[in-house]
PDB file of all heavy atoms in Angstrom:
ATOM      1  N   GLU A   1     142.203 103.436  84.246  1.00  0.00           N
ATOM      2  CA  GLU A   1     140.908 104.114  84.123  1.00  0.00           C
ATOM      3  C   GLU A   1     139.975 103.713  85.269  1.00  0.00           C
ATOM      4  O   GLU A   1     139.256 104.552  85.823  1.00  0.00           O
ATOM      5  CB  GLU A   1     140.258 103.757  82.780  1.00  0.00           C
ATOM      6  CG  GLU A   1     140.940 104.363  81.568  1.00  0.00           C
ATOM      7  CD  GLU A   1     140.426 105.758  81.256  1.00  0.00           C
ATOM      8  OE1 GLU A   1     139.623 106.287  82.034  1.00  0.00           O
ATOM      9  OE2 GLU A   1     140.844 106.312  80.229  1.00  0.00           O
ATOM     10  N   VAL A   2     139.995 102.435  85.620  1.00  0.00           N
ATOM     11  CA  VAL A   2     139.134 101.952  86.703  1.00  0.00           C
ATOM     12  C   VAL A   2     139.538 102.584  88.026  1.00  0.00           C
ATOM     13  O   VAL A   2     138.689 103.012  88.820  1.00  0.00           O
ATOM     14  CB  VAL A   2     139.203 100.404  86.805  1.00  0.00           C
ATOM     15  CG1 VAL A   2     138.535  99.922  88.091  1.00  0.00           C
ATOM     16  CG2 VAL A   2     138.531  99.764  85.599  1.00  0.00           C
ATOM     17  N   ILE A   3     140.846 102.659  88.286  1.00  0.00           N
ATOM     18  CA  ILE A   3     141.331 103.252  89.530  1.00  0.00           C
ATOM     19  C   ILE A   3     140.975 104.733  89.593  1.00  0.00           C
ATOM     20  O   ILE A   3     140.535 105.242  90.633  1.00  0.00           O
ATOM     21  CB  ILE A   3     142.859 103.057  89.664  1.00  0.00           C
ATOM     22  CG1 ILE A   3     143.180 101.569  89.836  1.00  0.00           C
ATOM     23  CG2 ILE A   3     143.402 103.851  90.842  1.00  0.00           C
ATOM     24  CD1 ILE A   3     144.651 101.247  89.805  1.00  0.00           C
ATOM     25  N   ILE A   4     141.159 105.432  88.480  1.00  0.00           N
ATOM     26  CA  ILE A   4     140.804 106.858  88.436  1.00  0.00           C
ATOM     27  C   ILE A   4     139.314 107.035  88.706  1.00  0.00           C
ATOM     28  O   ILE A   4     138.901 107.889  89.498  1.00  0.00           O
ATOM     29  CB  ILE A   4     141.176 107.471  87.075  1.00  0.00           C
ATOM     30  CG1 ILE A   4     142.689 107.458  86.859  1.00  0.00           C
ATOM     31  CG2 ILE A   4     140.655 108.911  86.980  1.00  0.00           C
ATOM     32  CD1 ILE A   4     143.124 107.830  85.467  1.00  0.00           C
ATOM     33  N   SER A   5     138.501 106.234  88.040  1.00  0.00           N
ATOM     34  CA  SER A   5     137.048 106.330  88.205  1.00  0.00           C
ATOM     35  C   SER A   5     136.647 106.060  89.650  1.00  0.00           C
ATOM     36  O   SER A   5     135.771 106.729  90.207  1.00  0.00           O
ATOM     37  CB  SER A   5     136.337 105.339  87.271  1.00  0.00           C
ATOM     38  OG  SER A   5     136.596 105.655  85.921  1.00  0.00           O
ATOM     39  N   ASP A   6     137.302 105.073  90.269  1.00  0.00           N
ATOM     40  CA  ASP A   6     136.987 104.738  91.661  1.00  0.00           C
ATOM     41  C   ASP A   6     137.340 105.891  92.592  1.00  0.00           C
ATOM     42  O   ASP A   6     136.568 106.234  93.490  1.00  0.00           O
ATOM     43  CB  ASP A   6     137.739 103.471  92.063  1.00  0.00           C
ATOM     44  CG  ASP A   6     137.418 103.039  93.481  1.00  0.00           C
ATOM     45  OD1 ASP A   6     136.255 102.680  93.739  1.00  0.00           O
ATOM     46  OD2 ASP A   6     138.322 103.097  94.340  1.00  0.00           O
ATOM     47  N   MET A   7     138.493 106.500  92.370  1.00  0.00           N
ATOM     48  CA  MET A   7     138.887 107.638  93.195  1.00  0.00           C
ATOM     49  C   MET A   7     137.911 108.803  93.043  1.00  0.00           C
ATOM     50  O   MET A   7     137.505 109.428  94.020  1.00  0.00           O
ATOM     51  CB  MET A   7     140.297 108.100  92.823  1.00  0.00           C
ATOM     52  CG  MET A   7     141.407 107.264  93.411  1.00  0.00           C
ATOM     53  SD  MET A   7     143.020 108.073  93.214  1.00  0.00           S
ATOM     54  CE  MET A   7     144.055 107.005  94.208  1.00  0.00           C
ATOM     55  N   MET A   8     137.528 109.078  91.807  1.00  0.00           N
ATOM     56  CA  MET A   8     136.618 110.194  91.557  1.00  0.00           C
ATOM     57  C   MET A   8     135.244 109.932  92.169  1.00  0.00           C
ATOM     58  O   MET A   8     134.590 110.837  92.684  1.00  0.00           O
ATOM     59  CB  MET A   8     136.520 110.455  90.058  1.00  0.00           C
ATOM     60  CG  MET A   8     137.786 111.075  89.481  1.00  0.00           C
ATOM     61  SD  MET A   8     137.789 111.159  87.683  1.00  0.00           S
ATOM     62  CE  MET A   8     136.342 112.140  87.379  1.00  0.00           C
ATOM     63  N   ARG A   9     134.815 108.683  92.129  1.00  0.00           N
ATOM     64  CA  ARG A   9     133.532 108.328  92.743  1.00  0.00           C
ATOM     65  C   ARG A   9     133.592 108.555  94.244  1.00  0.00           C
ATOM     66  O   ARG A   9     132.663 109.113  94.848  1.00  0.00           O
ATOM     67  CB  ARG A   9     133.206 106.859  92.446  1.00  0.00           C
ATOM     68  CG  ARG A   9     131.923 106.367  93.112  1.00  0.00           C
ATOM     69  CD  ARG A   9     131.763 104.871  92.953  1.00  0.00           C
ATOM     70  NE  ARG A   9     132.866 104.131  93.520  1.00  0.00           N
ATOM     71  CZ  ARG A   9     133.039 103.912  94.825  1.00  0.00           C
ATOM     72  NH1 ARG A   9     132.174 104.404  95.698  1.00  0.00           N
ATOM     73  NH2 ARG A   9     134.065 103.222  95.264  1.00  0.00           N
ATOM     74  N   GLN A  10     134.702 108.130  94.873  1.00  0.00           N
ATOM     75  CA  GLN A  10     134.854 108.314  96.316  1.00  0.00           C
ATOM     76  C   GLN A  10     134.889 109.790  96.690  1.00  0.00           C
ATOM     77  O   GLN A  10     134.310 110.208  97.696  1.00  0.00           O
ATOM     78  CB  GLN A  10     136.133 107.643  96.794  1.00  0.00           C
ATOM     79  CG  GLN A  10     136.105 106.126  96.746  1.00  0.00           C
ATOM     80  CD  GLN A  10     137.358 105.548  97.358  1.00  0.00           C
ATOM     81  OE1 GLN A  10     137.641 105.732  98.523  1.00  0.00           O
ATOM     82  NE2 GLN A  10     138.144 104.855  96.561  1.00  0.00           N
ATOM     83  N   ILE A  11     135.565 110.580  95.880  1.00  0.00           N
ATOM     84  CA  ILE A  11     135.696 112.011  96.164  1.00  0.00           C
ATOM     85  C   ILE A  11     134.362 112.722  96.009  1.00  0.00           C
ATOM     86  O   ILE A  11     134.066 113.686  96.710  1.00  0.00           O
ATOM     87  CB  ILE A  11     136.767 112.636  95.251  1.00  0.00           C
ATOM     88  CG1 ILE A  11     138.150 112.158  95.692  1.00  0.00           C
ATOM     89  CG2 ILE A  11     136.695 114.159  95.262  1.00  0.00           C
ATOM     90  CD1 ILE A  11     139.250 112.507  94.733  1.00  0.00           C
ATOM     91  N   GLY A  12     133.514 112.225  95.103  1.00  0.00           N
ATOM     92  CA  GLY A  12     132.193 112.810  94.951  1.00  0.00           C
ATOM     93  C   GLY A  12     131.954 113.519  93.646  1.00  0.00           C
ATOM     94  O   GLY A  12     131.055 114.368  93.547  1.00  0.00           O
ATOM     95  N   VAL A  13     132.736 113.187  92.611  1.00  0.00           N
ATOM     96  CA  VAL A  13     132.499 113.776  91.287  1.00  0.00           C
ATOM     97  C   VAL A  13     131.419 112.961  90.592  1.00  0.00           C
ATOM     98  O   VAL A  13     131.615 111.773  90.320  1.00  0.00           O
ATOM     99  CB  VAL A  13     133.783 113.770  90.429  1.00  0.00           C
ATOM    100  CG1 VAL A  13     133.508 114.391  89.064  1.00  0.00           C
ATOM    101  CG2 VAL A  13     134.912 114.505  91.136  1.00  0.00           C
ATOM    102  N   PRO A  14     130.257 113.545  90.278  1.00  0.00           N
ATOM    103  CA  PRO A  14     129.167 112.790  89.653  1.00  0.00           C
ATOM    104  C   PRO A  14     129.549 112.317  88.244  1.00  0.00           C
ATOM    105  O   PRO A  14     130.126 113.083  87.464  1.00  0.00           O
ATOM    106  CB  PRO A  14     128.009 113.803  89.581  1.00  0.00           C
ATOM    107  CG  PRO A  14     128.372 114.881  90.548  1.00  0.00           C
ATOM    108  CD  PRO A  14     129.868 114.943  90.548  1.00  0.00           C
ATOM    109  N   ALA A  15     129.238 111.079  87.940  1.00  0.00           N
ATOM    110  CA  ALA A  15     129.635 110.505  86.654  1.00  0.00           C
ATOM    111  C   ALA A  15     128.828 111.056  85.480  1.00  0.00           C
ATOM    112  O   ALA A  15     129.237 110.900  84.325  1.00  0.00           O
ATOM    113  CB  ALA A  15     129.501 108.987  86.703  1.00  0.00           C
ATOM    114  N   HIS A  16     127.702 111.706  85.750  1.00  0.00           N
ATOM    115  CA  HIS A  16     126.836 112.126  84.651  1.00  0.00           C
ATOM    116  C   HIS A  16     127.192 113.503  84.083  1.00  0.00           C
ATOM    117  O   HIS A  16     126.660 113.896  83.051  1.00  0.00           O
ATOM    118  CB  HIS A  16     125.364 112.142  85.109  1.00  0.00           C
ATOM    119  CG  HIS A  16     125.074 113.196  86.128  1.00  0.00           C
ATOM    120  ND1 HIS A  16     125.317 112.996  87.464  1.00  0.00           N
ATOM    121  CD2 HIS A  16     124.578 114.451  86.018  1.00  0.00           C
ATOM    122  CE1 HIS A  16     124.968 114.080  88.131  1.00  0.00           C
ATOM    123  NE2 HIS A  16     124.519 114.984  87.282  1.00  0.00           N
ATOM    124  N   ILE A  17     128.092 114.232  84.743  1.00  0.00           N
ATOM    125  CA  ILE A  17     128.425 115.559  84.226  1.00  0.00           C
ATOM    126  C   ILE A  17     129.637 115.473  83.286  1.00  0.00           C
ATOM    127  O   ILE A  17     130.483 114.583  83.403  1.00  0.00           O
ATOM    128  CB  ILE A  17     128.702 116.559  85.365  1.00  0.00           C
ATOM    129  CG1 ILE A  17     129.888 116.103  86.219  1.00  0.00           C
ATOM    130  CG2 ILE A  17     127.464 116.725  86.244  1.00  0.00           C
ATOM    131  CD1 ILE A  17     130.248 117.073  87.327  1.00  0.00           C
ATOM    132  N   LYS A  18     129.730 116.431  82.353  1.00  0.00           N
ATOM    133  CA  LYS A  18     130.796 116.403  81.352  1.00  0.00           C
ATOM    134  C   LYS A  18     132.176 116.477  81.988  1.00  0.00           C
ATOM    135  O   LYS A  18     133.127 115.840  81.530  1.00  0.00           O
ATOM    136  CB  LYS A  18     130.624 117.562  80.374  1.00  0.00           C
ATOM    137  CG  LYS A  18     129.476 117.380  79.391  1.00  0.00           C
ATOM    138  CD  LYS A  18     129.425 118.530  78.404  1.00  0.00           C
ATOM    139  CE  LYS A  18     128.306 118.333  77.404  1.00  0.00           C
ATOM    140  NZ  LYS A  18     128.220 119.455  76.432  1.00  0.00           N
ATOM    141  N   GLY A  19     132.276 117.255  83.048  1.00  0.00           N
ATOM    142  CA  GLY A  19     133.573 117.416  83.692  1.00  0.00           C
ATOM    143  C   GLY A  19     134.163 116.115  84.196  1.00  0.00           C
ATOM    144  O   GLY A  19     135.387 115.995  84.307  1.00  0.00           O
ATOM    145  N   TYR A  20     133.316 115.149  84.502  1.00  0.00           N
ATOM    146  CA  TYR A  20     133.786 113.845  84.980  1.00  0.00           C
ATOM    147  C   TYR A  20     134.673 113.191  83.923  1.00  0.00           C
ATOM    148  O   TYR A  20     135.786 112.745  84.211  1.00  0.00           O
ATOM    149  CB  TYR A  20     132.588 112.955  85.300  1.00  0.00           C
ATOM    150  CG  TYR A  20     132.937 111.543  85.722  1.00  0.00           C
ATOM    151  CD1 TYR A  20     133.120 111.217  87.063  1.00  0.00           C
ATOM    152  CD2 TYR A  20     133.069 110.525  84.776  1.00  0.00           C
ATOM    153  CE1 TYR A  20     133.436 109.925  87.450  1.00  0.00           C
ATOM    154  CE2 TYR A  20     133.386 109.232  85.154  1.00  0.00           C
ATOM    155  CZ  TYR A  20     133.565 108.940  86.484  1.00  0.00           C
ATOM    156  OH  TYR A  20     133.880 107.651  86.861  1.00  0.00           O
ATOM    157  N   ARG A  21     134.185 113.138  82.681  1.00  0.00           N
ATOM    158  CA  ARG A  21     134.951 112.509  81.600  1.00  0.00           C
ATOM    159  C   ARG A  21     136.226 113.290  81.300  1.00  0.00           C
ATOM    160  O   ARG A  21     137.300 112.711  81.099  1.00  0.00           O
ATOM    161  CB  ARG A  21     134.096 112.395  80.341  1.00  0.00           C
ATOM    162  CG  ARG A  21     132.949 111.391  80.452  1.00  0.00           C
ATOM    163  CD  ARG A  21     132.188 111.315  79.155  1.00  0.00           C
ATOM    164  NE  ARG A  21     131.541 112.596  78.840  1.00  0.00           N
ATOM    165  CZ  ARG A  21     131.163 112.953  77.620  1.00  0.00           C
ATOM    166  NH1 ARG A  21     131.374 112.150  76.595  1.00  0.00           N
ATOM    167  NH2 ARG A  21     130.567 114.120  77.420  1.00  0.00           N
ATOM    168  N   TYR A  22     136.104 114.614  81.265  1.00  0.00           N
ATOM    169  CA  TYR A  22     137.273 115.441  80.976  1.00  0.00           C
ATOM    170  C   TYR A  22     138.329 115.297  82.071  1.00  0.00           C
ATOM    171  O   TYR A  22     139.528 115.238  81.795  1.00  0.00           O
ATOM    172  CB  TYR A  22     136.871 116.910  80.852  1.00  0.00           C
ATOM    173  CG  TYR A  22     135.867 117.216  79.754  1.00  0.00           C
ATOM    174  CD1 TYR A  22     135.110 118.390  79.791  1.00  0.00           C
ATOM    175  CD2 TYR A  22     135.677 116.347  78.685  1.00  0.00           C
ATOM    176  CE1 TYR A  22     134.193 118.691  78.797  1.00  0.00           C
ATOM    177  CE2 TYR A  22     134.755 116.631  77.686  1.00  0.00           C
ATOM    178  CZ  TYR A  22     134.007 117.810  77.746  1.00  0.00           C
ATOM    179  OH  TYR A  22     133.101 118.092  76.754  1.00  0.00           O
ATOM    180  N   LEU A  23     137.865 115.234  83.307  1.00  0.00           N
ATOM    181  CA  LEU A  23     138.770 115.107  84.448  1.00  0.00           C
ATOM    182  C   LEU A  23     139.459 113.751  84.442  1.00  0.00           C
ATOM    183  O   LEU A  23     140.677 113.649  84.652  1.00  0.00           O
ATOM    184  CB  LEU A  23     137.971 115.302  85.740  1.00  0.00           C
ATOM    185  CG  LEU A  23     138.723 115.548  87.049  1.00  0.00           C
ATOM    186  CD1 LEU A  23     139.742 116.670  86.897  1.00  0.00           C
ATOM    187  CD2 LEU A  23     137.728 115.878  88.147  1.00  0.00           C
ATOM    188  N   ARG A  24     138.696 112.712  84.186  1.00  0.00           N
ATOM    189  CA  ARG A  24     139.268 111.359  84.146  1.00  0.00           C
ATOM    190  C   ARG A  24     140.338 111.258  83.067  1.00  0.00           C
ATOM    191  O   ARG A  24     141.421 110.706  83.293  1.00  0.00           O
ATOM    192  CB  ARG A  24     138.165 110.329  83.904  1.00  0.00           C
ATOM    193  CG  ARG A  24     138.649 108.875  83.941  1.00  0.00           C
ATOM    194  CD  ARG A  24     137.496 107.918  83.756  1.00  0.00           C
ATOM    195  NE  ARG A  24     136.847 108.109  82.463  1.00  0.00           N
ATOM    196  CZ  ARG A  24     135.727 107.489  82.085  1.00  0.00           C
ATOM    197  NH1 ARG A  24     135.130 106.663  82.933  1.00  0.00           N
ATOM    198  NH2 ARG A  24     135.202 107.694  80.901  1.00  0.00           N
ATOM    199  N   THR A  25     140.041 111.793  81.902  1.00  0.00           N
ATOM    200  CA  THR A  25     141.010 111.757  80.804  1.00  0.00           C
ATOM    201  C   THR A  25     142.233 112.601  81.126  1.00  0.00           C
ATOM    202  O   THR A  25     143.369 112.209  80.836  1.00  0.00           O
ATOM    203  CB  THR A  25     140.356 112.263  79.503  1.00  0.00           C
ATOM    204  OG1 THR A  25     139.236 111.429  79.180  1.00  0.00           O
ATOM    205  CG2 THR A  25     141.340 112.223  78.338  1.00  0.00           C
ATOM    206  N   SER A  26     142.037 113.750  81.746  1.00  0.00           N
ATOM    207  CA  SER A  26     143.155 114.629  82.107  1.00  0.00           C
ATOM    208  C   SER A  26     144.101 113.947  83.086  1.00  0.00           C
ATOM    209  O   SER A  26     145.331 114.022  82.941  1.00  0.00           O
ATOM    210  CB  SER A  26     142.630 115.927  82.725  1.00  0.00           C
ATOM    211  OG  SER A  26     141.861 116.667  81.803  1.00  0.00           O
ATOM    212  N   ILE A  27     143.535 113.270  84.073  1.00  0.00           N
ATOM    213  CA  ILE A  27     144.363 112.563  85.057  1.00  0.00           C
ATOM    214  C   ILE A  27     145.159 111.449  84.383  1.00  0.00           C
ATOM    215  O   ILE A  27     146.358 111.278  84.627  1.00  0.00           O
ATOM    216  CB  ILE A  27     143.488 112.003  86.195  1.00  0.00           C
ATOM    217  CG1 ILE A  27     142.859 113.154  86.991  1.00  0.00           C
ATOM    218  CG2 ILE A  27     144.305 111.102  87.126  1.00  0.00           C
ATOM    219  CD1 ILE A  27     141.757 112.726  87.932  1.00  0.00           C
ATOM    220  N   ARG A  28     144.491 110.697  83.512  1.00  0.00           N
ATOM    221  CA  ARG A  28     145.191 109.609  82.800  1.00  0.00           C
ATOM    222  C   ARG A  28     146.337 110.150  81.956  1.00  0.00           C
ATOM    223  O   ARG A  28     147.442 109.604  81.967  1.00  0.00           O
ATOM    224  CB  ARG A  28     144.206 108.841  81.920  1.00  0.00           C
ATOM    225  CG  ARG A  28     144.884 107.784  81.047  1.00  0.00           C
ATOM    226  CD  ARG A  28     143.877 106.980  80.235  1.00  0.00           C
ATOM    227  NE  ARG A  28     143.039 107.810  79.393  1.00  0.00           N
ATOM    228  CZ  ARG A  28     143.420 108.339  78.224  1.00  0.00           C
ATOM    229  NH1 ARG A  28     144.664 108.145  77.782  1.00  0.00           N
ATOM    230  NH2 ARG A  28     142.587 109.057  77.506  1.00  0.00           N
TER     231      ARG A  28
END
């Protein structure tokens, strides 16, 4: 989860939008 979150942060997906959580879970 930490690695996914770090990648998404680098790519530029804002953590405050709903899609962030859905995307992180989908990747996992």
